[in-house]
C-alpha atoms as a PDB file:
ATOM      1  CA  MET A   1       0.582  -2.407 -21.476  1.00  0.00           C
ATOM      2  CA  ASN A   2      -2.952  -3.662 -21.999  1.00  0.00           C
ATOM      3  CA  ALA A   3      -5.042  -6.462 -20.508  1.00  0.00           C
ATOM      4  CA  SER A   4      -4.031  -8.893 -23.241  1.00  0.00           C
ATOM      5  CA  ASP A   5      -0.371  -8.419 -22.360  1.00  0.00           C
ATOM      6  CA  ASP A   6       1.149 -11.536 -20.729  1.00  0.00           C
ATOM      7  CA  ARG A   7       2.661  -9.361 -18.001  1.00  0.00           C
ATOM      8  CA  PHE A   8      -0.656  -7.891 -16.870  1.00  0.00           C
ATOM      9  CA  PRO A   9      -1.625 -10.600 -14.305  1.00  0.00           C
ATOM     10  CA  ALA A  10       1.845 -10.458 -12.759  1.00  0.00           C
ATOM     11  CA  LEU A  11       1.619  -6.672 -12.522  1.00  0.00           C
ATOM     12  CA  ILE A  12      -1.702  -6.903 -10.681  1.00  0.00           C
ATOM     13  CA  ARG A  13      -0.288  -9.539  -8.294  1.00  0.00           C
ATOM     14  CA  ASN A  14       2.748  -7.368  -7.624  1.00  0.00           C
ATOM     15  CA  LEU A  15       0.600  -4.325  -6.933  1.00  0.00           C
ATOM     16  CA  ASP A  16      -1.522  -6.380  -4.536  1.00  0.00           C
ATOM     17  CA  LEU A  17       1.667  -7.442  -2.751  1.00  0.00           C
ATOM     18  CA  LEU A  18       2.872  -3.853  -2.649  1.00  0.00           C
ATOM     19  CA  LYS A  19      -0.401  -2.782  -1.028  1.00  0.00           C
ATOM     20  CA  GLU A  20       0.011  -5.518   1.595  1.00  0.00           C
ATOM     21  CA  ILE A  21       3.596  -4.420   2.300  1.00  0.00           C
ATOM     22  CA  GLU A  22       2.590  -0.769   2.667  1.00  0.00           C
ATOM     23  CA  THR A  23      -0.247  -1.759   5.020  1.00  0.00           C
ATOM     24  CA  ALA A  24       2.065  -3.976   7.084  1.00  0.00           C
ATOM     25  CA  ALA A  25       4.633  -1.190   7.343  1.00  0.00           C
ATOM     26  CA  GLY A  26       1.919   1.117   8.642  1.00  0.00           C
ATOM     27  CA  ARG A  27       0.963  -1.425  11.304  1.00  0.00           C
ATOM     28  CA  LEU A  28       4.620  -1.818  12.247  1.00  0.00           C
ATOM     29  CA  TYR A  29       5.003   1.936  12.690  1.00  0.00           C
ATOM     30  CA  ALA A  30       1.815   2.062  14.771  1.00  0.00           C
ATOM     31  CA  GLY A  31       3.343  -0.592  17.006  1.00  0.00           C
ATOM     32  CA  PHE A  32       6.524   1.431  17.325  1.00  0.00           C
ATOM     33  CA  ALA A  33       4.469   4.492  18.284  1.00  0.00           C
ATOM     34  CA  ALA A  34       2.845   2.489  21.077  1.00  0.00           C
ATOM     35  CA  ALA A  35       6.148   0.971  22.214  1.00  0.00           C
ATOM     36  CA  PHE A  36       8.092   4.232  22.105  1.00  0.00           C
ATOM     37  CA  PRO A  37       5.647   6.985  23.071  1.00  0.00           C
ATOM     38  CA  GLU A  38       8.418   9.592  23.257  1.00  0.00           C
ATOM     39  CA  ASP A  39       8.909   9.109  19.504  1.00  0.00           C
ATOM     40  CA  ALA A  40       5.225   8.617  18.677  1.00  0.00           C
ATOM     41  CA  PRO A  41       4.959  11.754  16.506  1.00  0.00           C
ATOM     42  CA  LEU A  42       7.626  10.393  14.159  1.00  0.00           C
ATOM     43  CA  TRP A  43       6.069   6.942  13.987  1.00  0.00           C
ATOM     44  CA  ASP A  44       2.614   8.429  13.444  1.00  0.00           C
ATOM     45  CA  VAL A  45       3.867  10.440  10.450  1.00  0.00           C
ATOM     46  CA  LEU A  46       5.513   7.362   8.976  1.00  0.00           C
ATOM     47  CA  ARG A  47       2.373   5.270   9.593  1.00  0.00           C
ATOM     48  CA  ALA A  48       0.213   7.851   7.842  1.00  0.00           C
ATOM     49  CA  GLU A  49       2.580   7.922   4.859  1.00  0.00           C
ATOM     50  CA  GLU A  50       2.433   4.143   4.495  1.00  0.00           C
ATOM     51  CA  GLU A  51      -1.355   4.174   4.755  1.00  0.00           C
ATOM     52  CA  GLY A  52      -1.413   6.817   2.025  1.00  0.00           C
ATOM     53  CA  HIS A  53       0.810   4.674  -0.180  1.00  0.00           C
ATOM     54  CA  ALA A  54      -1.514   1.699   0.320  1.00  0.00           C
ATOM     55  CA  ARG A  55      -4.551   3.851  -0.576  1.00  0.00           C
ATOM     56  CA  ARG A  56      -2.870   5.077  -3.761  1.00  0.00           C
ATOM     57  CA  VAL A  57      -2.016   1.536  -4.819  1.00  0.00           C
ATOM     58  CA  GLU A  58      -5.592   0.451  -4.059  1.00  0.00           C
ATOM     59  CA  HIS A  59      -6.919   3.386  -6.085  1.00  0.00           C
ATOM     60  CA  GLY A  60      -4.720   2.365  -9.005  1.00  0.00           C
ATOM     61  CA  LEU A  61      -5.902  -1.227  -8.787  1.00  0.00           C
ATOM     62  CA  ALA A  62      -9.554  -0.133  -8.669  1.00  0.00           C
ATOM     63  CA  HIS A  63      -9.025   2.180 -11.633  1.00  0.00           C
ATOM     64  CA  GLN A  64      -7.424  -0.623 -13.627  1.00  0.00           C
ATOM     65  CA  ALA A  65     -10.214  -3.055 -12.727  1.00  0.00           C
ATOM     66  CA  ALA A  66     -12.826  -0.538 -13.868  1.00  0.00           C
ATOM     67  CA  ALA A  67     -10.965  -0.034 -17.136  1.00  0.00           C
ATOM     68  CA  GLN A  68     -11.066  -3.789 -17.763  1.00  0.00           C
ATOM     69  CA  GLN A  69     -14.872  -3.930 -17.630  1.00  0.00           C
END
């Protein structure tokens, strides 16, 4: 797929949405860690995983933007 492909803008929008979902999931897990301190280690691991997912999506978006210039 290249930038002239009709699907490209939709792909970028979907990746932006995915990043937002991953970030929101991380915030949710952080809230669970605060609400359920006895299970905080689990929620902290899950939060960190979601934050990592969001960073990887962001990295991919940045890489694609740089390739378009």
